[in-house]
Amino acid sequence: MTRRAAARAFAAAALLAATAAGAVWADSGNSTGRLGMHGTWDVVRVAVDPADQPRWTWRPDDPQLLGRELVIATDALQWDVDGARCNQPQWNRQPGTWPALLAASFPRPPAPGRAAAPTPAQMGLDARVDGAGPISVQRPRCTPDADGRIAAPWDAAWLVQTAADRLLLRHGQALLHLARRVPGAPPRPSFACSAARTPGEQALCADVALAAWDRSVAQAWREARTRRADELPRLQAEQRAWLAERERCGADAACLRERMQERVLALVQE
């Protein structure tokens, strides 16, 4: 069998395995139905290599990434982190396996007695859900910006869809687990929307992505209080001041998003 024939046979096997797992694969290119990936997705888990902590840029379930929104459309991928956008993506589909993909994407520095790469289980993958056999790896090729650059994370990103409602995205040194957003899903901020009184609180209760940022602030706040328990009075004063600043945004969604992004970053750096 020639290399080309072998590659085609392997790709066919990957396609059959993915279909059996419930994923819907389409031809490569810009097909509007490709992979069944079009739609809005939310990050439900942030996985990082537990044995490579010195190189972490994100923590497990990092509040900067948990809950973030990814919108996949024919003409763009819109990522709710730093406004990163992939324009006019062309898709390159490649067959692979999880061990090989993780070894290529998350290699570890050499160390005695340590494996060269994380296992699928260490990156949060479940063979019962994500499959242990061949996978189909989708790499978006974005149209460069006017300055010739491609925004991170798209310069090194790949996606693997393992079920109609489950997607994996490489984001730098993290593997993001995403769930498809159910149409009409209500916003879920960190507080009961029945208690929303101010324009800012009401805006958080009216937008799924803003509500997710509010949950991230609440998570980062809890973690900062635990890490800096000896500085709790200072943290509480800063949080009260920040809440007042957020409320000055009123119902301005862009302002609210910016204030919450800034607060999450400040808290994770505590």
C-alpha atoms as a PDB file:
ATOM      1  CA  MET A   1       0.000   0.000   0.000  1.00  0.00           C
ATOM      2  CA  THR A   2       1.358   3.438  -0.906  1.00  0.00           C
ATOM      3  CA  ARG A   3       1.684   6.225   1.682  1.00  0.00           C
ATOM      4  CA  ARG A   4      -1.142   8.126   0.052  1.00  0.00           C
ATOM      5  CA  ALA A   5      -3.411   5.093   0.074  1.00  0.00           C
ATOM      6  CA  ALA A   6      -2.514   4.387   3.690  1.00  0.00           C
ATOM      7  CA  ALA A   7      -3.287   7.982   4.675  1.00  0.00           C
ATOM      8  CA  ARG A   8      -6.651   7.765   2.924  1.00  0.00           C
ATOM      9  CA  ALA A   9      -7.454   4.515   4.677  1.00  0.00           C
ATOM     10  CA  PHE A  10      -6.516   6.006   8.060  1.00  0.00           C
ATOM     11  CA  ALA A  11      -8.612   9.122   7.380  1.00  0.00           C
ATOM     12  CA  ALA A  12     -11.567   6.913   6.434  1.00  0.00           C
ATOM     13  CA  ALA A  13     -11.172   4.995   9.687  1.00  0.00           C
ATOM     14  CA  ALA A  14     -11.114   8.266  11.634  1.00  0.00           C
ATOM     15  CA  LEU A  15     -14.255   9.409   9.857  1.00  0.00           C
ATOM     16  CA  LEU A  16     -16.088   6.184  10.676  1.00  0.00           C
ATOM     17  CA  ALA A  17     -14.996   6.327  14.315  1.00  0.00           C
ATOM     18  CA  ALA A  18     -16.115   9.934  14.694  1.00  0.00           C
ATOM     19  CA  THR A  19     -19.470   9.196  13.073  1.00  0.00           C
ATOM     20  CA  ALA A  20     -19.977   6.254  15.412  1.00  0.00           C
ATOM     21  CA  ALA A  21     -19.255   8.539  18.362  1.00  0.00           C
ATOM     22  CA  GLY A  22     -22.012  10.885  17.257  1.00  0.00           C
ATOM     23  CA  ALA A  23     -20.030  13.609  15.513  1.00  0.00           C
ATOM     24  CA  VAL A  24     -21.120  14.852  12.097  1.00  0.00           C
ATOM     25  CA  TRP A  25     -18.223  15.367   9.730  1.00  0.00           C
ATOM     26  CA  ALA A  26     -18.390  17.287   6.468  1.00  0.00           C
ATOM     27  CA  ASP A  27     -15.945  17.697   3.626  1.00  0.00           C
ATOM     28  CA  SER A  28     -12.954  19.981   4.125  1.00  0.00           C
ATOM     29  CA  GLY A  29     -13.121  23.553   2.876  1.00  0.00           C
ATOM     30  CA  ASN A  30     -15.674  26.138   3.939  1.00  0.00           C
ATOM     31  CA  SER A  31     -18.838  24.041   3.963  1.00  0.00           C
ATOM     32  CA  THR A  32     -21.413  25.709   6.215  1.00  0.00           C
ATOM     33  CA  GLY A  33     -22.289  22.348   7.716  1.00  0.00           C
ATOM     34  CA  ARG A  34     -18.734  21.246   8.378  1.00  0.00           C
ATOM     35  CA  LEU A  35     -18.290  19.121  11.443  1.00  0.00           C
ATOM     36  CA  GLY A  36     -21.549  20.343  12.907  1.00  0.00           C
ATOM     37  CA  MET A  37     -19.328  22.893  14.658  1.00  0.00           C
ATOM     38  CA  HIS A  38     -21.208  26.032  13.659  1.00  0.00           C
ATOM     39  CA  GLY A  39     -22.846  27.724  16.606  1.00  0.00           C
ATOM     40  CA  THR A  40     -21.956  29.057  20.038  1.00  0.00           C
ATOM     41  CA  TRP A  41     -19.814  27.108  22.478  1.00  0.00           C
ATOM     42  CA  ASP A  42     -18.884  27.733  26.122  1.00  0.00           C
ATOM     43  CA  VAL A  43     -15.711  26.641  27.923  1.00  0.00           C
ATOM     44  CA  VAL A  44     -16.685  24.231  30.698  1.00  0.00           C
ATOM     45  CA  ARG A  45     -13.212  23.008  31.673  1.00  0.00           C
ATOM     46  CA  VAL A  46      -9.634  24.255  31.373  1.00  0.00           C
ATOM     47  CA  ALA A  47      -7.080  21.445  31.435  1.00  0.00           C
ATOM     48  CA  VAL A  48      -3.322  21.912  31.724  1.00  0.00           C
ATOM     49  CA  ASP A  49      -0.504  19.414  32.065  1.00  0.00           C
ATOM     50  CA  PRO A  50      -0.223  18.683  35.810  1.00  0.00           C
ATOM     51  CA  ALA A  51       3.439  17.642  35.423  1.00  0.00           C
ATOM     52  CA  ASP A  52       4.554  20.821  33.647  1.00  0.00           C
ATOM     53  CA  GLN A  53       3.531  23.510  36.125  1.00  0.00           C
ATOM     54  CA  PRO A  54       6.641  25.718  35.621  1.00  0.00           C
ATOM     55  CA  ARG A  55       5.443  26.470  32.092  1.00  0.00           C
ATOM     56  CA  TRP A  56       1.799  27.111  32.930  1.00  0.00           C
ATOM     57  CA  THR A  57       0.329  30.237  31.390  1.00  0.00           C
ATOM     58  CA  TRP A  58      -3.110  29.184  32.661  1.00  0.00           C
ATOM     59  CA  ARG A  59      -4.193  27.343  35.788  1.00  0.00           C
ATOM     60  CA  PRO A  60      -6.627  24.409  35.921  1.00  0.00           C
ATOM     61  CA  ASP A  61     -10.104  25.837  35.351  1.00  0.00           C
ATOM     62  CA  ASP A  62      -8.575  29.298  35.111  1.00  0.00           C
ATOM     63  CA  PRO A  63     -11.304  31.939  35.567  1.00  0.00           C
ATOM     64  CA  GLN A  64      -9.825  33.901  32.685  1.00  0.00           C
ATOM     65  CA  LEU A  65     -10.885  31.078  30.341  1.00  0.00           C
ATOM     66  CA  LEU A  66     -13.656  29.168  32.112  1.00  0.00           C
ATOM     67  CA  GLY A  67     -17.045  30.219  30.728  1.00  0.00           C
ATOM     68  CA  ARG A  68     -15.636  31.997  27.702  1.00  0.00           C
ATOM     69  CA  GLU A  69     -17.632  32.017  24.494  1.00  0.00           C
ATOM     70  CA  LEU A  70     -16.538  30.727  21.087  1.00  0.00           C
ATOM     71  CA  VAL A  71     -18.737  31.501  18.092  1.00  0.00           C
ATOM     72  CA  ILE A  72     -18.055  29.465  14.952  1.00  0.00           C
ATOM     73  CA  ALA A  73     -19.530  30.778  11.707  1.00  0.00           C
ATOM     74  CA  THR A  74     -18.708  30.362   8.039  1.00  0.00           C
ATOM     75  CA  ASP A  75     -16.843  33.655   7.765  1.00  0.00           C
ATOM     76  CA  ALA A  76     -15.156  33.837  11.174  1.00  0.00           C
ATOM     77  CA  LEU A  77     -14.281  32.318  14.518  1.00  0.00           C
ATOM     78  CA  GLN A  78     -14.943  34.811  17.312  1.00  0.00           C
ATOM     79  CA  TRP A  79     -13.248  34.111  20.649  1.00  0.00           C
ATOM     80  CA  ASP A  80     -14.335  35.957  23.791  1.00  0.00           C
ATOM     81  CA  VAL A  81     -10.778  36.494  25.011  1.00  0.00           C
ATOM     82  CA  ASP A  82      -9.081  39.714  23.914  1.00  0.00           C
ATOM     83  CA  GLY A  83     -11.515  39.855  20.987  1.00  0.00           C
ATOM     84  CA  ALA A  84      -9.410  37.320  19.091  1.00  0.00           C
ATOM     85  CA  ARG A  85     -11.005  36.719  15.697  1.00  0.00           C
ATOM     86  CA  CYS A  86     -10.117  34.330  12.896  1.00  0.00           C
ATOM     87  CA  ASN A  87     -11.326  35.821   9.623  1.00  0.00           C
ATOM     88  CA  GLN A  88     -12.375  33.751   6.609  1.00  0.00           C
ATOM     89  CA  PRO A  89     -11.020  30.469   7.996  1.00  0.00           C
ATOM     90  CA  GLN A  90      -9.952  27.704   5.656  1.00  0.00           C
ATOM     91  CA  TRP A  91      -9.995  24.303   7.326  1.00  0.00           C
ATOM     92  CA  ASN A  92      -7.273  21.702   7.201  1.00  0.00           C
ATOM     93  CA  ARG A  93      -8.500  18.320   8.397  1.00  0.00           C
ATOM     94  CA  GLN A  94      -5.948  15.728   9.479  1.00  0.00           C
ATOM     95  CA  PRO A  95      -6.382  12.245  10.963  1.00  0.00           C
ATOM     96  CA  GLY A  96      -4.634  11.525  14.233  1.00  0.00           C
ATOM     97  CA  THR A  97      -4.810   9.986  17.695  1.00  0.00           C
ATOM     98  CA  TRP A  98      -4.979  11.648  21.093  1.00  0.00           C
ATOM     99  CA  PRO A  99      -1.554  10.425  22.299  1.00  0.00           C
ATOM    100  CA  ALA A 100       0.176  11.674  19.130  1.00  0.00           C
ATOM    101  CA  LEU A 101      -1.701  14.993  19.117  1.00  0.00           C
ATOM    102  CA  LEU A 102      -0.968  15.698  22.780  1.00  0.00           C
ATOM    103  CA  ALA A 103       2.700  14.762  22.339  1.00  0.00           C
ATOM    104  CA  ALA A 104       3.018  17.227  19.460  1.00  0.00           C
ATOM    105  CA  SER A 105       1.027  19.997  21.165  1.00  0.00           C
ATOM    106  CA  PHE A 106       2.135  19.742  24.806  1.00  0.00           C
ATOM    107  CA  PRO A 107       5.688  18.325  24.844  1.00  0.00           C
ATOM    108  CA  ARG A 108       7.408  18.298  28.220  1.00  0.00           C
ATOM    109  CA  PRO A 109      11.032  19.304  28.821  1.00  0.00           C
ATOM    110  CA  PRO A 110      13.162  16.189  29.283  1.00  0.00           C
ATOM    111  CA  ALA A 111      13.322  14.953  32.877  1.00  0.00           C
ATOM    112  CA  PRO A 112      14.427  11.645  34.388  1.00  0.00           C
ATOM    113  CA  GLY A 113      11.571   9.228  34.973  1.00  0.00           C
ATOM    114  CA  ARG A 114       8.941  11.465  33.399  1.00  0.00           C
ATOM    115  CA  ALA A 115       6.933  10.786  30.256  1.00  0.00           C
ATOM    116  CA  ALA A 116       7.576  13.070  27.295  1.00  0.00           C
ATOM    117  CA  ALA A 117       3.959  14.225  27.100  1.00  0.00           C
ATOM    118  CA  PRO A 118       0.748  14.171  29.144  1.00  0.00           C
ATOM    119  CA  THR A 119      -1.686  11.310  28.799  1.00  0.00           C
ATOM    120  CA  PRO A 120      -5.221  11.929  27.527  1.00  0.00           C
ATOM    121  CA  ALA A 121      -6.552  11.375  31.047  1.00  0.00           C
ATOM    122  CA  GLN A 122      -4.180  14.028  32.447  1.00  0.00           C
ATOM    123  CA  MET A 123      -5.682  16.529  29.996  1.00  0.00           C
ATOM    124  CA  GLY A 124      -9.197  15.703  31.115  1.00  0.00           C
ATOM    125  CA  LEU A 125     -10.111  13.381  28.260  1.00  0.00           C
ATOM    126  CA  ASP A 126     -12.428  10.448  28.887  1.00  0.00           C
ATOM    127  CA  ALA A 127     -12.101   7.536  26.458  1.00  0.00           C
ATOM    128  CA  ARG A 128     -15.797   6.747  26.948  1.00  0.00           C
ATOM    129  CA  VAL A 129     -16.719  10.231  25.707  1.00  0.00           C
ATOM    130  CA  ASP A 130     -13.820  11.399  23.577  1.00  0.00           C
ATOM    131  CA  GLY A 131     -12.800   8.064  22.091  1.00  0.00           C
ATOM    132  CA  ALA A 132      -9.475   6.267  22.263  1.00  0.00           C
ATOM    133  CA  GLY A 133      -9.143   5.533  18.549  1.00  0.00           C
ATOM    134  CA  PRO A 134      -8.567   7.730  15.504  1.00  0.00           C
ATOM    135  CA  ILE A 135      -9.723  11.347  15.657  1.00  0.00           C
ATOM    136  CA  SER A 136     -10.183  14.086  13.084  1.00  0.00           C
ATOM    137  CA  VAL A 137      -8.147  17.191  13.885  1.00  0.00           C
ATOM    138  CA  GLN A 138      -9.357  20.495  12.441  1.00  0.00           C
ATOM    139  CA  ARG A 139      -6.840  23.313  12.041  1.00  0.00           C
ATOM    140  CA  PRO A 140      -8.204  26.713  10.994  1.00  0.00           C
ATOM    141  CA  ARG A 141      -6.094  28.760   8.616  1.00  0.00           C
ATOM    142  CA  CYS A 142      -7.097  32.357   9.185  1.00  0.00           C
ATOM    143  CA  THR A 143      -6.808  35.241   6.767  1.00  0.00           C
ATOM    144  CA  PRO A 144      -3.949  37.420   8.114  1.00  0.00           C
ATOM    145  CA  ASP A 145      -4.673  40.883   9.475  1.00  0.00           C
ATOM    146  CA  ALA A 146      -3.605  44.006   7.612  1.00  0.00           C
ATOM    147  CA  ASP A 147      -0.187  43.779   9.285  1.00  0.00           C
ATOM    148  CA  GLY A 148       0.206  40.162   8.119  1.00  0.00           C
ATOM    149  CA  ARG A 149      -0.308  38.573  11.541  1.00  0.00           C
ATOM    150  CA  ILE A 150      -2.748  35.928  12.735  1.00  0.00           C
ATOM    151  CA  ALA A 151      -4.135  36.567  16.204  1.00  0.00           C
ATOM    152  CA  ALA A 152      -3.414  34.109  18.996  1.00  0.00           C
ATOM    153  CA  PRO A 153      -4.621  31.485  19.704  1.00  0.00           C
ATOM    154  CA  TRP A 154      -5.466  30.787  16.085  1.00  0.00           C
ATOM    155  CA  ASP A 155      -1.825  30.695  14.971  1.00  0.00           C
ATOM    156  CA  ALA A 156      -1.406  27.313  16.711  1.00  0.00           C
ATOM    157  CA  ALA A 157      -4.980  26.226  17.381  1.00  0.00           C
ATOM    158  CA  TRP A 158      -6.714  22.991  16.566  1.00  0.00           C
ATOM    159  CA  LEU A 159     -10.183  21.692  17.285  1.00  0.00           C
ATOM    160  CA  VAL A 160     -11.541  18.177  17.727  1.00  0.00           C
ATOM    161  CA  GLN A 161     -15.271  17.554  17.932  1.00  0.00           C
ATOM    162  CA  THR A 162     -16.064  14.302  19.693  1.00  0.00           C
ATOM    163  CA  ALA A 163     -19.849  14.605  19.887  1.00  0.00           C
ATOM    164  CA  ALA A 164     -22.577  16.876  18.619  1.00  0.00           C
ATOM    165  CA  ASP A 165     -22.344  18.931  21.809  1.00  0.00           C
ATOM    166  CA  ARG A 166     -18.664  18.507  22.746  1.00  0.00           C
ATOM    167  CA  LEU A 167     -15.599  20.281  21.353  1.00  0.00           C
ATOM    168  CA  LEU A 168     -11.912  20.426  22.335  1.00  0.00           C
ATOM    169  CA  LEU A 169      -9.777  23.484  21.523  1.00  0.00           C
ATOM    170  CA  ARG A 170      -6.051  23.927  21.978  1.00  0.00           C
ATOM    171  CA  HIS A 171      -5.382  27.351  23.485  1.00  0.00           C
ATOM    172  CA  GLY A 172      -1.651  27.772  23.998  1.00  0.00           C
ATOM    173  CA  GLN A 173      -0.604  25.407  26.798  1.00  0.00           C
ATOM    174  CA  ALA A 174      -4.205  24.646  27.762  1.00  0.00           C
ATOM    175  CA  LEU A 175      -6.753  22.223  26.386  1.00  0.00           C
ATOM    176  CA  LEU A 176     -10.208  23.751  26.563  1.00  0.00           C
ATOM    177  CA  HIS A 177     -13.303  21.589  26.848  1.00  0.00           C
ATOM    178  CA  LEU A 178     -16.346  23.299  25.353  1.00  0.00           C
ATOM    179  CA  ALA A 179     -20.054  22.489  25.400  1.00  0.00           C
ATOM    180  CA  ARG A 180     -22.471  23.611  22.740  1.00  0.00           C
ATOM    181  CA  ARG A 181     -24.773  26.295  24.082  1.00  0.00           C
ATOM    182  CA  VAL A 182     -28.397  25.251  24.060  1.00  0.00           C
ATOM    183  CA  PRO A 183     -30.494  27.787  22.109  1.00  0.00           C
ATOM    184  CA  GLY A 184     -32.385  29.983  24.514  1.00  0.00           C
ATOM    185  CA  ALA A 185     -30.195  29.067  27.478  1.00  0.00           C
ATOM    186  CA  PRO A 186     -30.731  31.695  30.205  1.00  0.00           C
ATOM    187  CA  PRO A 187     -27.853  33.814  31.543  1.00  0.00           C
ATOM    188  CA  ARG A 188     -26.421  32.498  34.834  1.00  0.00           C
ATOM    189  CA  PRO A 189     -24.534  35.180  36.762  1.00  0.00           C
ATOM    190  CA  SER A 190     -23.107  34.523  40.224  1.00  0.00           C
ATOM    191  CA  PHE A 191     -26.184  35.974  41.923  1.00  0.00           C
ATOM    192  CA  ALA A 192     -29.921  35.397  41.724  1.00  0.00           C
ATOM    193  CA  CYS A 193     -31.362  37.514  38.937  1.00  0.00           C
ATOM    194  CA  SER A 194     -34.535  37.925  40.968  1.00  0.00           C
ATOM    195  CA  ALA A 195     -32.414  40.168  43.197  1.00  0.00           C
ATOM    196  CA  ALA A 196     -31.010  42.285  40.332  1.00  0.00           C
ATOM    197  CA  ARG A 197     -31.735  45.941  40.985  1.00  0.00           C
ATOM    198  CA  THR A 198     -29.172  48.135  39.246  1.00  0.00           C
ATOM    199  CA  PRO A 199     -28.837  48.618  35.466  1.00  0.00           C
ATOM    200  CA  GLY A 200     -25.499  46.783  35.592  1.00  0.00           C
ATOM    201  CA  GLU A 201     -26.934  43.770  37.413  1.00  0.00           C
ATOM    202  CA  GLN A 202     -29.888  43.650  35.046  1.00  0.00           C
ATOM    203  CA  ALA A 203     -27.514  43.738  32.067  1.00  0.00           C
ATOM    204  CA  LEU A 204     -25.606  40.759  33.496  1.00  0.00           C
ATOM    205  CA  CYS A 205     -28.901  38.893  33.772  1.00  0.00           C
ATOM    206  CA  ALA A 206     -29.739  39.617  30.131  1.00  0.00           C
ATOM    207  CA  ASP A 207     -26.583  38.322  28.413  1.00  0.00           C
ATOM    208  CA  VAL A 208     -25.087  34.824  28.641  1.00  0.00           C
ATOM    209  CA  ALA A 209     -21.505  35.924  27.960  1.00  0.00           C
ATOM    210  CA  LEU A 210     -21.640  38.804  30.460  1.00  0.00           C
ATOM    211  CA  ALA A 211     -23.133  36.487  33.065  1.00  0.00           C
ATOM    212  CA  ALA A 212     -20.213  34.094  32.504  1.00  0.00           C
ATOM    213  CA  TRP A 213     -17.733  36.907  33.086  1.00  0.00           C
ATOM    214  CA  ASP A 214     -19.538  37.711  36.343  1.00  0.00           C
ATOM    215  CA  ARG A 215     -19.112  34.082  37.427  1.00  0.00           C
ATOM    216  CA  SER A 216     -15.416  34.350  36.561  1.00  0.00           C
ATOM    217  CA  VAL A 217     -15.054  37.426  38.759  1.00  0.00           C
ATOM    218  CA  ALA A 218     -16.765  35.561  41.603  1.00  0.00           C
ATOM    219  CA  GLN A 219     -14.486  32.536  41.134  1.00  0.00           C
ATOM    220  CA  ALA A 220     -11.329  34.676  40.969  1.00  0.00           C
ATOM    221  CA  TRP A 221     -12.476  36.567  44.065  1.00  0.00           C
ATOM    222  CA  ARG A 222     -12.965  33.348  46.061  1.00  0.00           C
ATOM    223  CA  GLU A 223      -9.557  32.037  45.015  1.00  0.00           C
ATOM    224  CA  ALA A 224      -7.808  35.338  45.825  1.00  0.00           C
ATOM    225  CA  ARG A 225      -9.365  35.411  49.302  1.00  0.00           C
ATOM    226  CA  THR A 226      -8.045  31.919  49.939  1.00  0.00           C
ATOM    227  CA  ARG A 227      -4.528  32.728  48.723  1.00  0.00           C
ATOM    228  CA  ARG A 228      -4.376  36.089  50.491  1.00  0.00           C
ATOM    229  CA  ALA A 229      -6.366  35.413  53.635  1.00  0.00           C
ATOM    230  CA  ASP A 230      -3.918  37.552  55.602  1.00  0.00           C
ATOM    231  CA  GLU A 231      -4.796  40.565  53.404  1.00  0.00           C
ATOM    232  CA  LEU A 232      -8.565  40.159  53.432  1.00  0.00           C
ATOM    233  CA  PRO A 233      -9.402  43.737  54.568  1.00  0.00           C
ATOM    234  CA  ARG A 234      -7.407  45.180  51.646  1.00  0.00           C
ATOM    235  CA  LEU A 235      -9.013  42.778  49.172  1.00  0.00           C
ATOM    236  CA  GLN A 236     -12.500  43.573  50.455  1.00  0.00           C
ATOM    237  CA  ALA A 237     -11.904  47.308  50.133  1.00  0.00           C
ATOM    238  CA  GLU A 238     -10.604  46.870  46.586  1.00  0.00           C
ATOM    239  CA  GLN A 239     -13.583  44.693  45.681  1.00  0.00           C
ATOM    240  CA  ARG A 240     -16.055  47.289  46.981  1.00  0.00           C
ATOM    241  CA  ALA A 241     -14.287  49.988  44.987  1.00  0.00           C
ATOM    242  CA  TRP A 242     -14.338  47.837  41.884  1.00  0.00           C
ATOM    243  CA  LEU A 243     -18.058  47.060  42.247  1.00  0.00           C
ATOM    244  CA  ALA A 244     -18.753  50.787  42.379  1.00  0.00           C
ATOM    245  CA  GLU A 245     -16.654  51.280  39.249  1.00  0.00           C
ATOM    246  CA  ARG A 246     -18.509  48.481  37.458  1.00  0.00           C
ATOM    247  CA  GLU A 247     -21.848  50.031  38.339  1.00  0.00           C
ATOM    248  CA  ARG A 248     -20.755  53.266  36.670  1.00  0.00           C
ATOM    249  CA  CYS A 249     -20.926  51.344  33.387  1.00  0.00           C
ATOM    250  CA  GLY A 250     -24.711  51.207  33.734  1.00  0.00           C
ATOM    251  CA  ALA A 251     -26.069  48.809  31.125  1.00  0.00           C
ATOM    252  CA  ASP A 252     -23.176  49.360  28.684  1.00  0.00           C
ATOM    253  CA  ALA A 253     -22.215  45.787  27.759  1.00  0.00           C
ATOM    254  CA  ALA A 254     -18.775  46.673  26.355  1.00  0.00           C
ATOM    255  CA  CYS A 255     -17.892  48.644  29.491  1.00  0.00           C
ATOM    256  CA  LEU A 256     -19.106  45.864  31.784  1.00  0.00           C
ATOM    257  CA  ARG A 257     -17.116  43.270  29.885  1.00  0.00           C
ATOM    258  CA  GLU A 258     -13.943  45.356  30.044  1.00  0.00           C
ATOM    259  CA  ARG A 259     -14.301  46.050  33.774  1.00  0.00           C
ATOM    260  CA  MET A 260     -14.849  42.358  34.524  1.00  0.00           C
ATOM    261  CA  GLN A 261     -11.947  41.222  32.357  1.00  0.00           C
ATOM    262  CA  GLU A 262      -9.677  43.672  34.177  1.00  0.00           C
ATOM    263  CA  ARG A 263     -10.896  42.515  37.574  1.00  0.00           C
ATOM    264  CA  VAL A 264     -10.387  38.823  36.821  1.00  0.00           C
ATOM    265  CA  LEU A 265      -6.844  39.526  35.655  1.00  0.00           C
ATOM    266  CA  ALA A 266      -6.089  41.584  38.766  1.00  0.00           C
ATOM    267  CA  LEU A 267      -7.447  38.896  41.084  1.00  0.00           C
ATOM    268  CA  VAL A 268      -5.614  35.972  39.490  1.00  0.00           C
ATOM    269  CA  GLN A 269      -2.382  37.934  39.892  1.00  0.00           C
ATOM    270  CA  GLU A 270      -2.873  38.294  43.641  1.00  0.00           C
END
